[in-house]
Amino acid sequence: MINFYDLQQFLKSFGIIIYMKDRRHTLSMVEYEVRELRRLELISKEDFIRAIAIIKHEVNHELSKG
């Protein structure tokens, strides 16, 4: 995973598709799903860390836009 699109494709492989009108809500829901996948040990620690970093980057980008 390199970017948010890659993360969405990764989630799609688990049957998870998330899209909401508000991008911040989308990011929040994606983070929730990633945390659940890790809690259930369906993804590796490395994938989890990478996914959270991508989400945090996107959140910061959204906040900087205003």
PDB file of N, CA and C in Angstrom:
ATOM      1  N   MET A   1       0.842  -1.183   0.000  1.00  0.00           N
ATOM      2  CA  MET A   1       0.000   0.000   0.000  1.00  0.00           C
ATOM      3  C   MET A   1       0.880   1.237   0.000  1.00  0.00           C
ATOM      4  N   ILE A   2       0.562   2.135  -0.909  1.00  0.00           N
ATOM      5  CA  ILE A   2       1.327   3.373  -1.014  1.00  0.00           C
ATOM      6  C   ILE A   2       0.441   4.582  -0.749  1.00  0.00           C
ATOM      7  N   ASN A   3      -0.798   4.508  -1.202  1.00  0.00           N
ATOM      8  CA  ASN A   3      -1.690   5.658  -1.057  1.00  0.00           C
ATOM      9  C   ASN A   3      -3.098   5.204  -0.653  1.00  0.00           C
ATOM     10  N   PHE A   4      -3.992   6.170  -0.522  1.00  0.00           N
ATOM     11  CA  PHE A   4      -5.341   5.865  -0.041  1.00  0.00           C
ATOM     12  C   PHE A   4      -6.095   4.952  -1.005  1.00  0.00           C
ATOM     13  N   TYR A   5      -5.887   5.133  -2.291  1.00  0.00           N
ATOM     14  CA  TYR A   5      -6.523   4.252  -3.277  1.00  0.00           C
ATOM     15  C   TYR A   5      -6.090   2.803  -3.043  1.00  0.00           C
ATOM     16  N   ASP A   6      -4.793   2.603  -2.826  1.00  0.00           N
ATOM     17  CA  ASP A   6      -4.292   1.255  -2.546  1.00  0.00           C
ATOM     18  C   ASP A   6      -4.937   0.684  -1.283  1.00  0.00           C
ATOM     19  N   LEU A   7      -5.108   1.524  -0.281  1.00  0.00           N
ATOM     20  CA  LEU A   7      -5.747   1.092   0.964  1.00  0.00           C
ATOM     21  C   LEU A   7      -7.193   0.679   0.701  1.00  0.00           C
ATOM     22  N   GLN A   8      -7.898   1.443  -0.112  1.00  0.00           N
ATOM     23  CA  GLN A   8      -9.280   1.092  -0.448  1.00  0.00           C
ATOM     24  C   GLN A   8      -9.333  -0.252  -1.178  1.00  0.00           C
ATOM     25  N   GLN A   9      -8.388  -0.480  -2.081  1.00  0.00           N
ATOM     26  CA  GLN A   9      -8.337  -1.752  -2.798  1.00  0.00           C
ATOM     27  C   GLN A   9      -8.017  -2.906  -1.849  1.00  0.00           C
ATOM     28  N   PHE A  10      -7.150  -2.639  -0.884  1.00  0.00           N
ATOM     29  CA  PHE A  10      -6.808  -3.631   0.136  1.00  0.00           C
ATOM     30  C   PHE A  10      -8.060  -4.002   0.935  1.00  0.00           C
ATOM     31  N   LEU A  11      -8.823  -3.005   1.363  1.00  0.00           N
ATOM     32  CA  LEU A  11     -10.057  -3.272   2.108  1.00  0.00           C
ATOM     33  C   LEU A  11     -11.071  -4.019   1.244  1.00  0.00           C
ATOM     34  N   LYS A  12     -11.093  -3.681  -0.032  1.00  0.00           N
ATOM     35  CA  LYS A  12     -12.018  -4.329  -0.960  1.00  0.00           C
ATOM     36  C   LYS A  12     -11.759  -5.839  -1.019  1.00  0.00           C
ATOM     37  N   SER A  13     -10.497  -6.238  -0.845  1.00  0.00           N
ATOM     38  CA  SER A  13     -10.169  -7.667  -0.861  1.00  0.00           C
ATOM     39  C   SER A  13     -10.815  -8.409   0.314  1.00  0.00           C
ATOM     40  N   PHE A  14     -11.244  -7.670   1.334  1.00  0.00           N
ATOM     41  CA  PHE A  14     -11.969  -8.242   2.470  1.00  0.00           C
ATOM     42  C   PHE A  14     -13.478  -8.023   2.332  1.00  0.00           C
ATOM     43  N   GLY A  15     -13.898  -7.487   1.198  1.00  0.00           N
ATOM     44  CA  GLY A  15     -15.312  -7.226   0.977  1.00  0.00           C
ATOM     45  C   GLY A  15     -15.792  -5.940   1.618  1.00  0.00           C
ATOM     46  N   ILE A  16     -14.857  -5.043   1.929  1.00  0.00           N
ATOM     47  CA  ILE A  16     -15.195  -3.786   2.600  1.00  0.00           C
ATOM     48  C   ILE A  16     -15.085  -2.642   1.600  1.00  0.00           C
ATOM     49  N   ILE A  17     -16.206  -1.999   1.324  1.00  0.00           N
ATOM     50  CA  ILE A  17     -16.231  -0.831   0.446  1.00  0.00           C
ATOM     51  C   ILE A  17     -16.874   0.300   1.233  1.00  0.00           C
ATOM     52  N   ILE A  18     -16.132   1.396   1.367  1.00  0.00           N
ATOM     53  CA  ILE A  18     -16.615   2.527   2.162  1.00  0.00           C
ATOM     54  C   ILE A  18     -16.573   3.783   1.309  1.00  0.00           C
ATOM     55  N   TYR A  19     -17.721   4.439   1.203  1.00  0.00           N
ATOM     56  CA  TYR A  19     -17.769   5.751   0.567  1.00  0.00           C
ATOM     57  C   TYR A  19     -18.881   6.547   1.225  1.00  0.00           C
ATOM     58  N   MET A  20     -18.523   7.704   1.718  1.00  0.00           N
ATOM     59  CA  MET A  20     -19.504   8.609   2.303  1.00  0.00           C
ATOM     60  C   MET A  20     -19.324   9.972   1.648  1.00  0.00           C
ATOM     61  N   LYS A  21     -20.344  10.762   1.689  1.00  0.00           N
ATOM     62  CA  LYS A  21     -20.289  12.082   1.068  1.00  0.00           C
ATOM     63  C   LYS A  21     -19.174  12.936   1.666  1.00  0.00           C
ATOM     64  N   ASP A  22     -19.029  12.880   2.976  1.00  0.00           N
ATOM     65  CA  ASP A  22     -18.000  13.658   3.671  1.00  0.00           C
ATOM     66  C   ASP A  22     -16.720  12.826   3.759  1.00  0.00           C
ATOM     67  N   ARG A  23     -15.647  13.326   3.177  1.00  0.00           N
ATOM     68  CA  ARG A  23     -14.379  12.581   3.146  1.00  0.00           C
ATOM     69  C   ARG A  23     -13.853  12.284   4.547  1.00  0.00           C
ATOM     70  N   ARG A  24     -14.058  13.201   5.470  1.00  0.00           N
ATOM     71  CA  ARG A  24     -13.577  12.964   6.841  1.00  0.00           C
ATOM     72  C   ARG A  24     -14.304  11.784   7.479  1.00  0.00           C
ATOM     73  N   HIS A  25     -15.580  11.651   7.191  1.00  0.00           N
ATOM     74  CA  HIS A  25     -16.328  10.501   7.700  1.00  0.00           C
ATOM     75  C   HIS A  25     -15.834   9.210   7.046  1.00  0.00           C
ATOM     76  N   THR A  26     -15.524   9.292   5.762  1.00  0.00           N
ATOM     77  CA  THR A  26     -14.972   8.133   5.067  1.00  0.00           C
ATOM     78  C   THR A  26     -13.674   7.694   5.726  1.00  0.00           C
ATOM     79  N   LEU A  27     -12.790   8.652   5.993  1.00  0.00           N
ATOM     80  CA  LEU A  27     -11.505   8.334   6.617  1.00  0.00           C
ATOM     81  C   LEU A  27     -11.700   7.724   8.001  1.00  0.00           C
ATOM     82  N   SER A  28     -12.636   8.255   8.741  1.00  0.00           N
ATOM     83  CA  SER A  28     -12.920   7.735  10.077  1.00  0.00           C
ATOM     84  C   SER A  28     -13.417   6.290  10.010  1.00  0.00           C
ATOM     85  N   MET A  29     -14.294   6.012   9.067  1.00  0.00           N
ATOM     86  CA  MET A  29     -14.832   4.661   8.930  1.00  0.00           C
ATOM     87  C   MET A  29     -13.766   3.689   8.432  1.00  0.00           C
ATOM     88  N   VAL A  30     -12.914   4.140   7.527  1.00  0.00           N
ATOM     89  CA  VAL A  30     -11.816   3.304   7.044  1.00  0.00           C
ATOM     90  C   VAL A  30     -10.894   2.950   8.210  1.00  0.00           C
ATOM     91  N   GLU A  31     -10.588   3.938   9.043  1.00  0.00           N
ATOM     92  CA  GLU A  31      -9.734   3.675  10.204  1.00  0.00           C
ATOM     93  C   GLU A  31     -10.390   2.646  11.130  1.00  0.00           C
ATOM     94  N   TYR A  32     -11.670   2.787  11.361  1.00  0.00           N
ATOM     95  CA  TYR A  32     -12.389   1.835  12.208  1.00  0.00           C
ATOM     96  C   TYR A  32     -12.265   0.419  11.648  1.00  0.00           C
ATOM     97  N   GLU A  33     -12.486   0.272  10.346  1.00  0.00           N
ATOM     98  CA  GLU A  33     -12.432  -1.054   9.721  1.00  0.00           C
ATOM     99  C   GLU A  33     -11.026  -1.642   9.780  1.00  0.00           C
ATOM    100  N   VAL A  34     -10.014  -0.813   9.565  1.00  0.00           N
ATOM    101  CA  VAL A  34      -8.630  -1.286   9.638  1.00  0.00           C
ATOM    102  C   VAL A  34      -8.327  -1.769  11.055  1.00  0.00           C
ATOM    103  N   ARG A  35      -8.753  -1.010  12.045  1.00  0.00           N
ATOM    104  CA  ARG A  35      -8.527  -1.413  13.444  1.00  0.00           C
ATOM    105  C   ARG A  35      -9.249  -2.729  13.768  1.00  0.00           C
ATOM    106  N   GLU A  36     -10.443  -2.899  13.229  1.00  0.00           N
ATOM    107  CA  GLU A  36     -11.174  -4.152  13.447  1.00  0.00           C
ATOM    108  C   GLU A  36     -10.470  -5.331  12.779  1.00  0.00           C
ATOM    109  N   LEU A  37      -9.980  -5.123  11.562  1.00  0.00           N
ATOM    110  CA  LEU A  37      -9.254  -6.196  10.884  1.00  0.00           C
ATOM    111  C   LEU A  37      -8.025  -6.609  11.682  1.00  0.00           C
ATOM    112  N   ARG A  38      -7.341  -5.636  12.253  1.00  0.00           N
ATOM    113  CA  ARG A  38      -6.164  -5.951  13.070  1.00  0.00           C
ATOM    114  C   ARG A  38      -6.574  -6.642  14.372  1.00  0.00           C
ATOM    115  N   ARG A  39      -7.627  -6.156  14.997  1.00  0.00           N
ATOM    116  CA  ARG A  39      -8.100  -6.756  16.246  1.00  0.00           C
ATOM    117  C   ARG A  39      -8.447  -8.230  16.043  1.00  0.00           C
ATOM    118  N   LEU A  40      -9.020  -8.527  14.891  1.00  0.00           N
ATOM    119  CA  LEU A  40      -9.387  -9.905  14.566  1.00  0.00           C
ATOM    120  C   LEU A  40      -8.211 -10.694  13.988  1.00  0.00           C
ATOM    121  N   GLU A  41      -7.057 -10.043  13.911  1.00  0.00           N
ATOM    122  CA  GLU A  41      -5.818 -10.637  13.399  1.00  0.00           C
ATOM    123  C   GLU A  41      -5.957 -11.121  11.958  1.00  0.00           C
ATOM    124  N   LEU A  42      -6.718 -10.365  11.164  1.00  0.00           N
ATOM    125  CA  LEU A  42      -6.878 -10.685   9.749  1.00  0.00           C
ATOM    126  C   LEU A  42      -5.834  -9.989   8.890  1.00  0.00           C
ATOM    127  N   ILE A  43      -5.175  -8.970   9.457  1.00  0.00           N
ATOM    128  CA  ILE A  43      -4.091  -8.290   8.750  1.00  0.00           C
ATOM    129  C   ILE A  43      -2.856  -8.279   9.649  1.00  0.00           C
ATOM    130  N   SER A  44      -1.706  -8.173   9.004  1.00  0.00           N
ATOM    131  CA  SER A  44      -0.448  -8.171   9.751  1.00  0.00           C
ATOM    132  C   SER A  44      -0.238  -6.833  10.451  1.00  0.00           C
ATOM    133  N   LYS A  45       0.654  -6.849  11.414  1.00  0.00           N
ATOM    134  CA  LYS A  45       1.001  -5.617  12.127  1.00  0.00           C
ATOM    135  C   LYS A  45       1.578  -4.592  11.153  1.00  0.00           C
ATOM    136  N   GLU A  46       2.389  -5.056  10.201  1.00  0.00           N
ATOM    137  CA  GLU A  46       3.002  -4.160   9.218  1.00  0.00           C
ATOM    138  C   GLU A  46       1.945  -3.494   8.342  1.00  0.00           C
ATOM    139  N   ASP A  47       0.976  -4.275   7.862  1.00  0.00           N
ATOM    140  CA  ASP A  47      -0.107  -3.701   7.053  1.00  0.00           C
ATOM    141  C   ASP A  47      -0.927  -2.712   7.871  1.00  0.00           C
ATOM    142  N   PHE A  48      -1.161  -3.037   9.134  1.00  0.00           N
ATOM    143  CA  PHE A  48      -1.907  -2.147  10.017  1.00  0.00           C
ATOM    144  C   PHE A  48      -1.182  -0.813  10.177  1.00  0.00           C
ATOM    145  N   ILE A  49       0.100  -0.866  10.461  1.00  0.00           N
ATOM    146  CA  ILE A  49       0.885   0.359  10.656  1.00  0.00           C
ATOM    147  C   ILE A  49       0.898   1.193   9.384  1.00  0.00           C
ATOM    148  N   ARG A  50       1.084   0.539   8.243  1.00  0.00           N
ATOM    149  CA  ARG A  50       1.081   1.244   6.961  1.00  0.00           C
ATOM    150  C   ARG A  50      -0.279   1.891   6.696  1.00  0.00           C
ATOM    151  N   ALA A  51      -1.343   1.160   6.954  1.00  0.00           N
ATOM    152  CA  ALA A  51      -2.697   1.675   6.718  1.00  0.00           C
ATOM    153  C   ALA A  51      -2.991   2.881   7.604  1.00  0.00           C
ATOM    154  N   ILE A  52      -2.646   2.801   8.876  1.00  0.00           N
ATOM    155  CA  ILE A  52      -2.893   3.917   9.794  1.00  0.00           C
ATOM    156  C   ILE A  52      -2.085   5.140   9.368  1.00  0.00           C
ATOM    157  N   ALA A  53      -0.856   4.935   8.914  1.00  0.00           N
ATOM    158  CA  ALA A  53      -0.028   6.058   8.449  1.00  0.00           C
ATOM    159  C   ALA A  53      -0.676   6.737   7.242  1.00  0.00           C
ATOM    160  N   ILE A  54      -1.211   5.949   6.325  1.00  0.00           N
ATOM    161  CA  ILE A  54      -1.884   6.506   5.147  1.00  0.00           C
ATOM    162  C   ILE A  54      -3.114   7.302   5.578  1.00  0.00           C
ATOM    163  N   ILE A  55      -3.890   6.757   6.485  1.00  0.00           N
ATOM    164  CA  ILE A  55      -5.093   7.443   6.966  1.00  0.00           C
ATOM    165  C   ILE A  55      -4.724   8.752   7.645  1.00  0.00           C
ATOM    166  N   LYS A  56      -3.731   8.727   8.518  1.00  0.00           N
ATOM    167  CA  LYS A  56      -3.304   9.946   9.223  1.00  0.00           C
ATOM    168  C   LYS A  56      -2.828  11.004   8.230  1.00  0.00           C
ATOM    169  N   HIS A  57      -2.113  10.572   7.202  1.00  0.00           N
ATOM    170  CA  HIS A  57      -1.660  11.510   6.167  1.00  0.00           C
ATOM    171  C   HIS A  57      -2.858  12.165   5.478  1.00  0.00           C
ATOM    172  N   GLU A  58      -3.857  11.361   5.143  1.00  0.00           N
ATOM    173  CA  GLU A  58      -5.051  11.887   4.478  1.00  0.00           C
ATOM    174  C   GLU A  58      -5.839  12.821   5.395  1.00  0.00           C
ATOM    175  N   VAL A  59      -5.931  12.483   6.670  1.00  0.00           N
ATOM    176  CA  VAL A  59      -6.627  13.345   7.632  1.00  0.00           C
ATOM    177  C   VAL A  59      -5.917  14.690   7.723  1.00  0.00           C
ATOM    178  N   ASN A  60      -4.595  14.665   7.832  1.00  0.00           N
ATOM    179  CA  ASN A  60      -3.825  15.912   7.889  1.00  0.00           C
ATOM    180  C   ASN A  60      -4.021  16.737   6.625  1.00  0.00           C
ATOM    181  N   HIS A  61      -4.079  16.071   5.490  1.00  0.00           N
ATOM    182  CA  HIS A  61      -4.303  16.765   4.215  1.00  0.00           C
ATOM    183  C   HIS A  61      -5.678  17.440   4.222  1.00  0.00           C
ATOM    184  N   GLU A  62      -6.693  16.733   4.707  1.00  0.00           N
ATOM    185  CA  GLU A  62      -8.043  17.303   4.789  1.00  0.00           C
ATOM    186  C   GLU A  62      -8.092  18.491   5.739  1.00  0.00           C
ATOM    187  N   LEU A  63      -7.416  18.378   6.873  1.00  0.00           N
ATOM    188  CA  LEU A  63      -7.412  19.472   7.851  1.00  0.00           C
ATOM    189  C   LEU A  63      -6.697  20.706   7.307  1.00  0.00           C
ATOM    190  N   SER A  64      -5.654  20.490   6.517  1.00  0.00           N
ATOM    191  CA  SER A  64      -4.914  21.630   5.966  1.00  0.00           C
ATOM    192  C   SER A  64      -5.718  22.353   4.880  1.00  0.00           C
ATOM    193  N   LYS A  65      -6.674  21.639   4.258  1.00  0.00           N
ATOM    194  CA  LYS A  65      -7.526  22.260   3.245  1.00  0.00           C
ATOM    195  C   LYS A  65      -8.550  23.187   3.877  1.00  0.00           C
ATOM    196  N   GLY A  66      -8.875  22.917   5.132  1.00  0.00           N
ATOM    197  CA  GLY A  66      -9.808  23.791   5.840  1.00  0.00           C
ATOM    198  C   GLY A  66     -11.163  23.311   5.960  1.00  0.00           C
TER     199      GLY A  66
END
